[in-house]
Amino acid sequence: MYFKKIVGQKCYLSPINEEDYEKYTEWVNDMEVAAGLIFASNLIGPEAEKLTLERLSIDGYNFAIIDIKKDELIGNCGFPKLDQLNKAGEVGIFIGNKDYWGKGYGQEVLKLLLDFGFNILNLHNISLKVYSFNQQAIKCYKKVGFKEAGRIRESKFIAGKAYDEIFMDILDKEYESVYINDIVGKKLQK
């Protein structure tokens, strides 16, 4: 069961349902999906994934990504790191269902996360990390407004080749709300 916490045109963000552990287990063990993630080298079974989802569902701000037309789980996203004192957060996004790759879902999910981060969590800076081989993701992040803030050179080795870890960020003043300002505006009109 899913709940519409933050709603876009193509998808919505819902609290994570830990009963989806079998689908996530399938995704995290698909090397094409997991290659750019920190746990790519881990062997993850259903019980471990269920525990991970249980933790994610109660710790912090983590969401399931749900296709709005089919009510189908396609991945998850959230804020794995928050520094409320300095108004900074790090976002992560994972689209496990490859049928949804390259169709604009990642951009929409990031916009919804940024809206939540800047307008509900009152963050000033939101960052992310990506490996240099993941050009599709980098292009997506730039379209949303992220800028490269730095990199650690040759920090990731895959198949004998070294790749940079790129740090990107966006500030609240560089982002325009796609959802939450509309809700506030409607409340003010009443």
N, C-alpha and C. Protein backbone atom coordinates (compact mmCIF):
# COMPACT_ATOMS: atom_id res chain seq x y z
N MET A 1 0.84 -1.18 0.00
CA MET A 1 0.00 0.00 0.00
C MET A 1 0.89 1.25 0.00
N TYR A 2 0.51 2.25 -0.80
CA TYR A 2 1.28 3.47 -0.93
C TYR A 2 0.41 4.68 -0.60
N PHE A 3 1.08 5.75 -0.18
CA PHE A 3 0.39 6.97 0.23
C PHE A 3 1.05 8.15 -0.48
N LYS A 4 0.24 9.05 -1.01
CA LYS A 4 0.75 10.18 -1.80
C LYS A 4 1.21 11.31 -0.88
N LYS A 5 2.48 11.29 -0.53
CA LYS A 5 3.05 12.33 0.33
C LYS A 5 3.43 13.56 -0.49
N ILE A 6 4.15 13.37 -1.60
CA ILE A 6 4.55 14.45 -2.49
C ILE A 6 4.23 13.99 -3.91
N VAL A 7 3.45 14.78 -4.64
CA VAL A 7 2.89 14.32 -5.90
C VAL A 7 3.43 15.13 -7.09
N GLY A 8 3.88 14.40 -8.10
CA GLY A 8 4.32 15.02 -9.34
C GLY A 8 3.36 14.66 -10.47
N GLN A 9 3.80 14.86 -11.71
CA GLN A 9 2.99 14.54 -12.88
C GLN A 9 3.09 13.05 -13.24
N LYS A 10 4.30 12.47 -13.11
CA LYS A 10 4.54 11.08 -13.51
C LYS A 10 4.56 10.11 -12.33
N CYS A 11 4.94 10.63 -11.17
CA CYS A 11 5.10 9.75 -10.01
C CYS A 11 4.82 10.52 -8.73
N TYR A 12 4.75 9.77 -7.65
CA TYR A 12 4.63 10.40 -6.34
C TYR A 12 5.55 9.69 -5.37
N LEU A 13 5.85 10.39 -4.28
CA LEU A 13 6.70 9.85 -3.23
C LEU A 13 5.83 9.43 -2.07
N SER A 14 6.06 8.21 -1.61
CA SER A 14 5.26 7.60 -0.55
C SER A 14 6.19 7.10 0.55
N PRO A 15 5.68 6.97 1.78
CA PRO A 15 6.49 6.26 2.77
C PRO A 15 6.86 4.87 2.23
N ILE A 16 8.03 4.39 2.60
CA ILE A 16 8.50 3.08 2.14
C ILE A 16 7.67 1.97 2.77
N ASN A 17 7.31 0.99 1.95
CA ASN A 17 6.59 -0.19 2.42
C ASN A 17 7.60 -1.33 2.50
N GLU A 18 7.93 -1.76 3.71
CA GLU A 18 8.96 -2.80 3.88
C GLU A 18 8.54 -4.15 3.28
N GLU A 19 7.27 -4.31 2.94
CA GLU A 19 6.82 -5.55 2.31
C GLU A 19 7.29 -5.65 0.86
N ASP A 20 7.88 -4.61 0.33
CA ASP A 20 8.43 -4.62 -1.03
C ASP A 20 9.84 -5.20 -1.08
N TYR A 21 10.28 -5.83 -0.01
CA TYR A 21 11.68 -6.28 0.08
C TYR A 21 12.09 -7.23 -1.04
N GLU A 22 11.17 -8.08 -1.52
CA GLU A 22 11.56 -9.02 -2.59
C GLU A 22 11.88 -8.28 -3.89
N LYS A 23 11.10 -7.26 -4.21
CA LYS A 23 11.35 -6.46 -5.43
C LYS A 23 12.69 -5.74 -5.30
N TYR A 24 12.96 -5.13 -4.13
CA TYR A 24 14.23 -4.45 -3.91
C TYR A 24 15.40 -5.44 -3.97
N THR A 25 15.22 -6.62 -3.43
CA THR A 25 16.28 -7.63 -3.45
C THR A 25 16.64 -7.98 -4.90
N GLU A 26 15.63 -8.09 -5.74
CA GLU A 26 15.86 -8.34 -7.17
C GLU A 26 16.68 -7.20 -7.77
N TRP A 27 16.31 -5.96 -7.48
CA TRP A 27 16.98 -4.80 -8.06
C TRP A 27 18.42 -4.66 -7.58
N VAL A 28 18.64 -4.77 -6.27
CA VAL A 28 19.99 -4.53 -5.74
C VAL A 28 20.98 -5.62 -6.13
N ASN A 29 20.48 -6.75 -6.59
CA ASN A 29 21.36 -7.81 -7.06
C ASN A 29 21.52 -7.82 -8.57
N ASP A 30 20.88 -6.90 -9.26
CA ASP A 30 21.04 -6.72 -10.70
C ASP A 30 22.22 -5.77 -10.89
N MET A 31 23.33 -6.26 -11.39
CA MET A 31 24.54 -5.46 -11.49
C MET A 31 24.36 -4.22 -12.35
N GLU A 32 23.51 -4.29 -13.37
CA GLU A 32 23.26 -3.12 -14.21
C GLU A 32 22.63 -1.99 -13.38
N VAL A 33 21.77 -2.36 -12.44
CA VAL A 33 21.12 -1.38 -11.57
C VAL A 33 22.09 -0.91 -10.48
N ALA A 34 22.83 -1.83 -9.89
CA ALA A 34 23.63 -1.54 -8.69
C ALA A 34 25.03 -1.01 -8.97
N ALA A 35 25.50 -1.04 -10.21
CA ALA A 35 26.90 -0.71 -10.51
C ALA A 35 27.35 0.63 -9.94
N GLY A 36 26.51 1.64 -9.95
CA GLY A 36 26.91 2.95 -9.48
C GLY A 36 26.64 3.20 -8.01
N LEU A 37 26.17 2.19 -7.31
CA LEU A 37 25.79 2.36 -5.91
C LEU A 37 26.88 1.85 -4.97
N ILE A 38 26.87 2.34 -3.74
CA ILE A 38 27.94 1.97 -2.81
C ILE A 38 27.91 0.50 -2.41
N PHE A 39 26.76 -0.14 -2.55
CA PHE A 39 26.65 -1.54 -2.14
C PHE A 39 26.75 -2.52 -3.31
N ALA A 40 27.28 -2.11 -4.44
CA ALA A 40 27.34 -2.95 -5.64
C ALA A 40 28.08 -4.26 -5.40
N SER A 41 29.08 -4.26 -4.53
CA SER A 41 29.87 -5.47 -4.30
C SER A 41 29.25 -6.39 -3.24
N ASN A 42 28.19 -5.93 -2.58
CA ASN A 42 27.56 -6.74 -1.52
C ASN A 42 26.61 -7.78 -2.10
N LEU A 43 26.53 -8.92 -1.43
CA LEU A 43 25.51 -9.91 -1.72
C LEU A 43 24.37 -9.65 -0.75
N ILE A 44 23.20 -9.32 -1.28
CA ILE A 44 22.09 -8.91 -0.43
C ILE A 44 20.92 -9.88 -0.63
N GLY A 45 20.59 -10.60 0.43
CA GLY A 45 19.47 -11.53 0.41
C GLY A 45 18.19 -10.88 0.89
N PRO A 46 17.08 -11.59 0.77
CA PRO A 46 15.78 -11.02 1.16
C PRO A 46 15.70 -10.56 2.62
N GLU A 47 16.25 -11.33 3.54
CA GLU A 47 16.17 -10.94 4.95
C GLU A 47 16.95 -9.65 5.22
N ALA A 48 18.14 -9.53 4.65
CA ALA A 48 18.93 -8.31 4.82
C ALA A 48 18.22 -7.11 4.21
N GLU A 49 17.62 -7.31 3.06
CA GLU A 49 16.92 -6.20 2.40
C GLU A 49 15.68 -5.80 3.19
N LYS A 50 14.99 -6.77 3.75
CA LYS A 50 13.82 -6.46 4.57
C LYS A 50 14.23 -5.62 5.78
N LEU A 51 15.34 -5.98 6.43
CA LEU A 51 15.83 -5.19 7.56
C LEU A 51 16.20 -3.77 7.13
N THR A 52 16.83 -3.66 5.96
CA THR A 52 17.20 -2.34 5.44
C THR A 52 15.95 -1.49 5.21
N LEU A 53 14.93 -2.07 4.60
CA LEU A 53 13.70 -1.32 4.34
C LEU A 53 12.99 -0.94 5.63
N GLU A 54 13.02 -1.82 6.61
CA GLU A 54 12.41 -1.50 7.91
C GLU A 54 13.12 -0.30 8.53
N ARG A 55 14.44 -0.28 8.46
CA ARG A 55 15.21 0.84 9.00
C ARG A 55 14.92 2.12 8.22
N LEU A 56 14.93 2.04 6.88
CA LEU A 56 14.67 3.22 6.06
C LEU A 56 13.26 3.77 6.26
N SER A 57 12.31 2.87 6.56
CA SER A 57 10.93 3.33 6.70
C SER A 57 10.70 4.11 8.00
N ILE A 58 11.60 3.95 8.98
CA ILE A 58 11.41 4.67 10.24
C ILE A 58 12.49 5.71 10.52
N ASP A 59 13.64 5.62 9.86
CA ASP A 59 14.74 6.56 10.08
C ASP A 59 14.75 7.64 9.01
N GLY A 60 14.72 8.88 9.41
CA GLY A 60 14.93 9.98 8.48
C GLY A 60 13.80 10.19 7.50
N TYR A 61 14.17 10.68 6.34
CA TYR A 61 13.23 11.04 5.30
C TYR A 61 13.54 10.24 4.05
N ASN A 62 12.91 9.06 3.95
CA ASN A 62 13.12 8.16 2.82
C ASN A 62 11.76 7.82 2.22
N PHE A 63 11.73 7.75 0.91
CA PHE A 63 10.47 7.58 0.20
C PHE A 63 10.55 6.46 -0.83
N ALA A 64 9.42 5.81 -1.07
CA ALA A 64 9.27 4.93 -2.23
C ALA A 64 8.86 5.82 -3.39
N ILE A 65 9.33 5.49 -4.59
CA ILE A 65 8.93 6.20 -5.80
C ILE A 65 7.87 5.35 -6.49
N ILE A 66 6.69 5.93 -6.71
CA ILE A 66 5.56 5.18 -7.25
C ILE A 66 5.08 5.82 -8.55
N ASP A 67 4.95 5.02 -9.61
CA ASP A 67 4.38 5.49 -10.87
C ASP A 67 2.93 5.90 -10.59
N ILE A 68 2.56 7.12 -10.97
CA ILE A 68 1.25 7.65 -10.61
C ILE A 68 0.11 6.97 -11.37
N LYS A 69 0.35 6.52 -12.61
CA LYS A 69 -0.72 5.89 -13.38
C LYS A 69 -0.95 4.44 -12.99
N LYS A 70 0.13 3.71 -12.73
CA LYS A 70 0.02 2.27 -12.44
C LYS A 70 0.05 1.95 -10.95
N ASP A 71 0.34 2.94 -10.11
CA ASP A 71 0.53 2.70 -8.67
C ASP A 71 1.58 1.61 -8.46
N GLU A 72 2.65 1.67 -9.26
CA GLU A 72 3.70 0.66 -9.26
C GLU A 72 4.98 1.22 -8.67
N LEU A 73 5.61 0.45 -7.79
CA LEU A 73 6.90 0.81 -7.20
C LEU A 73 7.97 0.79 -8.29
N ILE A 74 8.78 1.89 -8.36
CA ILE A 74 9.86 1.90 -9.34
C ILE A 74 11.22 2.16 -8.71
N GLY A 75 11.26 2.51 -7.42
CA GLY A 75 12.53 2.76 -6.75
C GLY A 75 12.33 3.46 -5.43
N ASN A 76 13.40 4.07 -4.93
CA ASN A 76 13.28 4.87 -3.71
C ASN A 76 14.25 6.04 -3.75
N CYS A 77 14.06 6.94 -2.81
CA CYS A 77 14.88 8.15 -2.74
C CYS A 77 14.80 8.70 -1.33
N GLY A 78 15.62 9.67 -1.05
CA GLY A 78 15.55 10.28 0.27
C GLY A 78 16.77 11.09 0.60
N PHE A 79 16.89 11.36 1.89
CA PHE A 79 17.99 12.15 2.44
C PHE A 79 18.80 11.27 3.38
N PRO A 80 19.84 10.59 2.87
CA PRO A 80 20.65 9.73 3.73
C PRO A 80 21.47 10.50 4.77
N LYS A 81 21.72 11.78 4.49
CA LYS A 81 22.48 12.61 5.44
C LYS A 81 21.80 13.96 5.56
N LEU A 82 21.58 14.37 6.82
CA LEU A 82 21.01 15.69 7.10
C LEU A 82 21.83 16.36 8.18
N ASP A 83 22.10 17.62 7.99
CA ASP A 83 22.78 18.44 8.98
C ASP A 83 21.88 19.66 9.20
N GLN A 84 20.91 19.51 10.13
CA GLN A 84 19.93 20.58 10.36
C GLN A 84 20.58 21.86 10.87
N LEU A 85 21.63 21.73 11.66
CA LEU A 85 22.32 22.90 12.20
C LEU A 85 22.84 23.80 11.09
N ASN A 86 23.43 23.20 10.07
CA ASN A 86 23.99 23.96 8.95
C ASN A 86 23.07 24.01 7.74
N LYS A 87 21.85 23.50 7.90
CA LYS A 87 20.82 23.53 6.85
C LYS A 87 21.30 22.88 5.56
N ALA A 88 21.95 21.73 5.69
CA ALA A 88 22.49 21.01 4.53
C ALA A 88 22.01 19.57 4.54
N GLY A 89 21.82 19.03 3.36
CA GLY A 89 21.40 17.63 3.24
C GLY A 89 21.96 17.01 1.99
N GLU A 90 22.04 15.69 2.02
CA GLU A 90 22.48 14.92 0.85
C GLU A 90 21.31 14.08 0.38
N VAL A 91 21.05 14.07 -0.93
CA VAL A 91 19.97 13.25 -1.49
C VAL A 91 20.54 12.03 -2.18
N GLY A 92 19.72 11.01 -2.23
CA GLY A 92 20.04 9.80 -2.97
C GLY A 92 18.80 9.37 -3.72
N ILE A 93 19.00 8.82 -4.90
CA ILE A 93 17.88 8.35 -5.72
C ILE A 93 18.27 7.03 -6.35
N PHE A 94 17.29 6.11 -6.39
CA PHE A 94 17.53 4.76 -6.89
C PHE A 94 16.29 4.34 -7.67
N ILE A 95 16.41 4.27 -8.98
CA ILE A 95 15.31 3.75 -9.79
C ILE A 95 15.71 2.34 -10.22
N GLY A 96 15.10 1.37 -9.58
CA GLY A 96 15.45 -0.02 -9.80
C GLY A 96 14.78 -0.63 -11.02
N ASN A 97 13.60 -0.15 -11.37
CA ASN A 97 12.87 -0.67 -12.51
C ASN A 97 13.42 -0.03 -13.78
N LYS A 98 14.17 -0.80 -14.56
CA LYS A 98 14.86 -0.28 -15.74
C LYS A 98 13.91 0.21 -16.83
N ASP A 99 12.63 -0.21 -16.78
CA ASP A 99 11.65 0.27 -17.76
C ASP A 99 11.41 1.77 -17.62
N TYR A 100 11.79 2.33 -16.48
CA TYR A 100 11.56 3.75 -16.21
C TYR A 100 12.81 4.61 -16.42
N TRP A 101 13.90 4.01 -16.83
CA TRP A 101 15.14 4.76 -17.07
C TRP A 101 15.01 5.62 -18.32
N GLY A 102 15.60 6.80 -18.29
CA GLY A 102 15.67 7.67 -19.46
C GLY A 102 14.34 8.27 -19.88
N LYS A 103 13.35 8.31 -18.98
CA LYS A 103 12.02 8.81 -19.33
C LYS A 103 11.60 10.01 -18.49
N GLY A 104 12.56 10.62 -17.80
CA GLY A 104 12.26 11.82 -17.04
C GLY A 104 11.81 11.61 -15.61
N TYR A 105 11.72 10.36 -15.18
CA TYR A 105 11.29 10.10 -13.79
C TYR A 105 12.33 10.58 -12.78
N GLY A 106 13.59 10.38 -13.09
CA GLY A 106 14.65 10.82 -12.18
C GLY A 106 14.61 12.32 -11.96
N GLN A 107 14.41 13.07 -13.03
CA GLN A 107 14.31 14.53 -12.90
C GLN A 107 13.14 14.92 -12.02
N GLU A 108 12.00 14.31 -12.26
CA GLU A 108 10.82 14.66 -11.46
C GLU A 108 11.02 14.29 -9.99
N VAL A 109 11.57 13.12 -9.73
CA VAL A 109 11.81 12.70 -8.36
C VAL A 109 12.74 13.69 -7.66
N LEU A 110 13.81 14.09 -8.33
CA LEU A 110 14.74 15.05 -7.73
C LEU A 110 14.06 16.39 -7.45
N LYS A 111 13.23 16.86 -8.36
CA LYS A 111 12.52 18.11 -8.13
C LYS A 111 11.60 18.00 -6.91
N LEU A 112 10.92 16.88 -6.77
CA LEU A 112 10.04 16.68 -5.61
C LEU A 112 10.86 16.62 -4.32
N LEU A 113 11.99 15.93 -4.37
CA LEU A 113 12.86 15.86 -3.19
C LEU A 113 13.42 17.23 -2.82
N LEU A 114 13.84 17.99 -3.82
CA LEU A 114 14.36 19.32 -3.56
C LEU A 114 13.28 20.22 -2.97
N ASP A 115 12.07 20.11 -3.50
CA ASP A 115 10.94 20.88 -2.98
C ASP A 115 10.72 20.56 -1.50
N PHE A 116 10.73 19.29 -1.17
CA PHE A 116 10.55 18.86 0.22
C PHE A 116 11.72 19.35 1.07
N GLY A 117 12.93 19.18 0.58
CA GLY A 117 14.12 19.56 1.33
C GLY A 117 14.21 21.06 1.58
N PHE A 118 13.93 21.86 0.57
CA PHE A 118 14.05 23.31 0.71
C PHE A 118 12.84 23.92 1.42
N ASN A 119 11.64 23.42 1.15
CA ASN A 119 10.43 24.07 1.65
C ASN A 119 9.79 23.43 2.88
N ILE A 120 10.14 22.20 3.19
CA ILE A 120 9.61 21.56 4.40
C ILE A 120 10.72 21.37 5.43
N LEU A 121 11.87 20.87 5.01
CA LEU A 121 13.00 20.68 5.94
C LEU A 121 13.81 21.97 6.12
N ASN A 122 13.51 22.98 5.32
CA ASN A 122 14.18 24.28 5.39
C ASN A 122 15.69 24.21 5.21
N LEU A 123 16.12 23.38 4.27
CA LEU A 123 17.54 23.27 3.96
C LEU A 123 17.97 24.43 3.07
N HIS A 124 19.24 24.73 3.10
CA HIS A 124 19.82 25.78 2.26
C HIS A 124 20.66 25.17 1.13
N ASN A 125 21.34 24.04 1.41
CA ASN A 125 22.21 23.39 0.43
C ASN A 125 21.86 21.90 0.39
N ILE A 126 21.64 21.39 -0.82
CA ILE A 126 21.38 19.95 -1.00
C ILE A 126 22.42 19.44 -1.99
N SER A 127 23.07 18.34 -1.61
CA SER A 127 24.15 17.80 -2.43
C SER A 127 23.89 16.33 -2.77
N LEU A 128 24.73 15.81 -3.65
CA LEU A 128 24.70 14.40 -4.01
C LEU A 128 26.07 13.99 -4.51
N LYS A 129 26.27 12.68 -4.61
CA LYS A 129 27.52 12.13 -5.16
C LYS A 129 27.17 11.21 -6.32
N VAL A 130 28.03 11.21 -7.34
CA VAL A 130 27.82 10.36 -8.51
C VAL A 130 29.18 10.00 -9.08
N TYR A 131 29.29 8.82 -9.67
CA TYR A 131 30.55 8.42 -10.31
C TYR A 131 30.58 8.91 -11.75
N SER A 132 31.76 9.26 -12.23
CA SER A 132 31.92 9.89 -13.54
C SER A 132 31.46 9.01 -14.71
N PHE A 133 31.40 7.70 -14.53
CA PHE A 133 30.92 6.85 -15.63
C PHE A 133 29.41 6.94 -15.83
N ASN A 134 28.69 7.48 -14.83
CA ASN A 134 27.23 7.53 -14.89
C ASN A 134 26.78 8.84 -15.56
N GLN A 135 27.06 8.96 -16.85
CA GLN A 135 26.78 10.18 -17.59
C GLN A 135 25.29 10.49 -17.68
N GLN A 136 24.46 9.46 -17.74
CA GLN A 136 23.01 9.69 -17.80
C GLN A 136 22.53 10.38 -16.53
N ALA A 137 23.01 9.93 -15.39
CA ALA A 137 22.62 10.55 -14.12
C ALA A 137 23.15 11.98 -14.02
N ILE A 138 24.40 12.20 -14.42
CA ILE A 138 24.99 13.53 -14.36
C ILE A 138 24.18 14.51 -15.20
N LYS A 139 23.78 14.08 -16.38
CA LYS A 139 22.96 14.92 -17.26
C LYS A 139 21.63 15.26 -16.59
N CYS A 140 21.03 14.28 -15.96
CA CYS A 140 19.77 14.48 -15.23
C CYS A 140 19.95 15.51 -14.11
N TYR A 141 21.00 15.34 -13.32
CA TYR A 141 21.24 16.25 -12.19
C TYR A 141 21.45 17.68 -12.66
N LYS A 142 22.18 17.85 -13.75
CA LYS A 142 22.42 19.19 -14.29
C LYS A 142 21.11 19.83 -14.77
N LYS A 143 20.24 19.04 -15.40
CA LYS A 143 18.95 19.56 -15.87
C LYS A 143 18.10 20.08 -14.72
N VAL A 144 18.21 19.43 -13.57
CA VAL A 144 17.44 19.85 -12.39
C VAL A 144 18.05 21.10 -11.75
N GLY A 145 19.33 21.36 -12.00
CA GLY A 145 19.97 22.55 -11.46
C GLY A 145 21.20 22.31 -10.61
N PHE A 146 21.57 21.05 -10.41
CA PHE A 146 22.78 20.75 -9.65
C PHE A 146 24.01 21.21 -10.42
N LYS A 147 25.02 21.66 -9.68
CA LYS A 147 26.29 22.08 -10.27
C LYS A 147 27.42 21.27 -9.64
N GLU A 148 28.45 21.03 -10.41
CA GLU A 148 29.60 20.31 -9.86
C GLU A 148 30.29 21.17 -8.82
N ALA A 149 30.52 20.59 -7.64
CA ALA A 149 31.16 21.31 -6.54
C ALA A 149 32.58 20.80 -6.29
N GLY A 150 32.90 19.63 -6.82
CA GLY A 150 34.23 19.07 -6.64
C GLY A 150 34.24 17.60 -7.01
N ARG A 151 35.42 17.00 -6.90
CA ARG A 151 35.53 15.57 -7.23
C ARG A 151 36.73 14.97 -6.53
N ILE A 152 36.62 13.67 -6.30
CA ILE A 152 37.76 12.88 -5.83
C ILE A 152 38.19 12.06 -7.05
N ARG A 153 39.40 12.30 -7.49
CA ARG A 153 39.86 11.69 -8.73
C ARG A 153 40.17 10.20 -8.54
N GLU A 154 39.75 9.43 -9.54
CA GLU A 154 40.06 8.01 -9.64
C GLU A 154 39.81 7.26 -8.33
N SER A 155 38.64 7.48 -7.74
CA SER A 155 38.33 6.87 -6.45
C SER A 155 37.47 5.61 -6.55
N LYS A 156 37.00 5.28 -7.74
CA LYS A 156 36.15 4.10 -7.93
C LYS A 156 36.74 3.26 -9.05
N PHE A 157 37.02 1.99 -8.75
CA PHE A 157 37.55 1.07 -9.75
C PHE A 157 36.51 0.03 -10.13
N ILE A 158 36.25 -0.05 -11.43
CA ILE A 158 35.34 -1.07 -11.96
C ILE A 158 36.00 -1.64 -13.21
N ALA A 159 36.11 -2.94 -13.25
CA ALA A 159 36.70 -3.64 -14.41
C ALA A 159 38.07 -3.08 -14.77
N GLY A 160 38.87 -2.77 -13.76
CA GLY A 160 40.23 -2.31 -13.98
C GLY A 160 40.38 -0.88 -14.43
N LYS A 161 39.28 -0.13 -14.44
CA LYS A 161 39.33 1.26 -14.88
C LYS A 161 38.93 2.18 -13.72
N ALA A 162 39.62 3.31 -13.59
CA ALA A 162 39.37 4.26 -12.49
C ALA A 162 38.40 5.35 -12.93
N TYR A 163 37.49 5.72 -12.02
CA TYR A 163 36.51 6.77 -12.26
C TYR A 163 36.52 7.75 -11.10
N ASP A 164 36.17 8.99 -11.39
CA ASP A 164 36.09 10.02 -10.35
C ASP A 164 34.75 9.92 -9.62
N GLU A 165 34.77 10.33 -8.35
CA GLU A 165 33.54 10.53 -7.60
C GLU A 165 33.26 12.03 -7.64
N ILE A 166 32.12 12.40 -8.20
CA ILE A 166 31.77 13.80 -8.40
C ILE A 166 30.77 14.23 -7.34
N PHE A 167 31.02 15.39 -6.76
CA PHE A 167 30.12 15.98 -5.78
C PHE A 167 29.39 17.13 -6.48
N MET A 168 28.06 17.14 -6.37
CA MET A 168 27.24 18.18 -6.98
C MET A 168 26.33 18.75 -5.91
N ASP A 169 25.93 20.02 -6.07
CA ASP A 169 25.00 20.59 -5.11
C ASP A 169 24.13 21.66 -5.76
N ILE A 170 23.12 22.08 -5.01
CA ILE A 170 22.20 23.14 -5.42
C ILE A 170 21.79 23.89 -4.16
N LEU A 171 21.62 25.20 -4.29
CA LEU A 171 21.19 26.04 -3.18
C LEU A 171 19.70 26.35 -3.29
N ASP A 172 19.09 26.67 -2.16
CA ASP A 172 17.65 26.96 -2.15
C ASP A 172 17.28 28.09 -3.11
N LYS A 173 18.12 29.10 -3.22
CA LYS A 173 17.82 30.24 -4.11
C LYS A 173 17.94 29.88 -5.59
N GLU A 174 18.51 28.71 -5.90
CA GLU A 174 18.65 28.27 -7.28
C GLU A 174 17.52 27.33 -7.72
N TYR A 175 16.56 27.12 -6.82
CA TYR A 175 15.50 26.14 -7.09
C TYR A 175 14.14 26.80 -7.01
N GLU A 176 13.26 26.43 -7.93
CA GLU A 176 11.88 26.93 -7.92
C GLU A 176 10.93 25.77 -7.61
N SER A 177 10.09 25.97 -6.63
CA SER A 177 9.16 24.94 -6.16
C SER A 177 8.24 24.44 -7.28
N VAL A 178 8.03 23.12 -7.31
CA VAL A 178 7.12 22.51 -8.29
C VAL A 178 5.84 21.99 -7.65
N TYR A 179 5.79 21.97 -6.32
CA TYR A 179 4.65 21.34 -5.66
C TYR A 179 4.20 22.08 -4.40
N ILE A 180 5.09 22.29 -3.47
CA ILE A 180 4.72 22.78 -2.15
C ILE A 180 4.24 24.23 -2.18
N ASN A 181 4.86 25.09 -2.97
CA ASN A 181 4.39 26.48 -3.06
C ASN A 181 2.96 26.55 -3.60
N ASP A 182 2.58 25.63 -4.50
CA ASP A 182 1.20 25.58 -5.00
C ASP A 182 0.22 25.26 -3.88
N ILE A 183 0.58 24.34 -3.01
CA ILE A 183 -0.28 23.97 -1.89
C ILE A 183 -0.44 25.16 -0.94
N VAL A 184 0.65 25.81 -0.62
CA VAL A 184 0.60 26.97 0.28
C VAL A 184 -0.21 28.08 -0.37
N GLY A 185 -0.02 28.31 -1.67
CA GLY A 185 -0.76 29.35 -2.38
C GLY A 185 -2.25 29.10 -2.34
N LYS A 186 -2.67 27.84 -2.52
CA LYS A 186 -4.10 27.50 -2.47
C LYS A 186 -4.68 27.74 -1.08
N LYS A 187 -3.91 27.44 -0.05
CA LYS A 187 -4.37 27.66 1.34
C LYS A 187 -4.53 29.15 1.60
N LEU A 188 -3.63 29.96 1.06
CA LEU A 188 -3.72 31.42 1.28
C LEU A 188 -4.91 32.04 0.54
N GLN A 189 -5.31 31.44 -0.57
CA GLN A 189 -6.43 31.98 -1.36
C GLN A 189 -7.76 31.74 -0.68
N LYS A 190 -7.83 30.76 0.22
CA LYS A 190 -9.11 30.41 0.88
C LYS A 190 -9.48 31.41 1.94
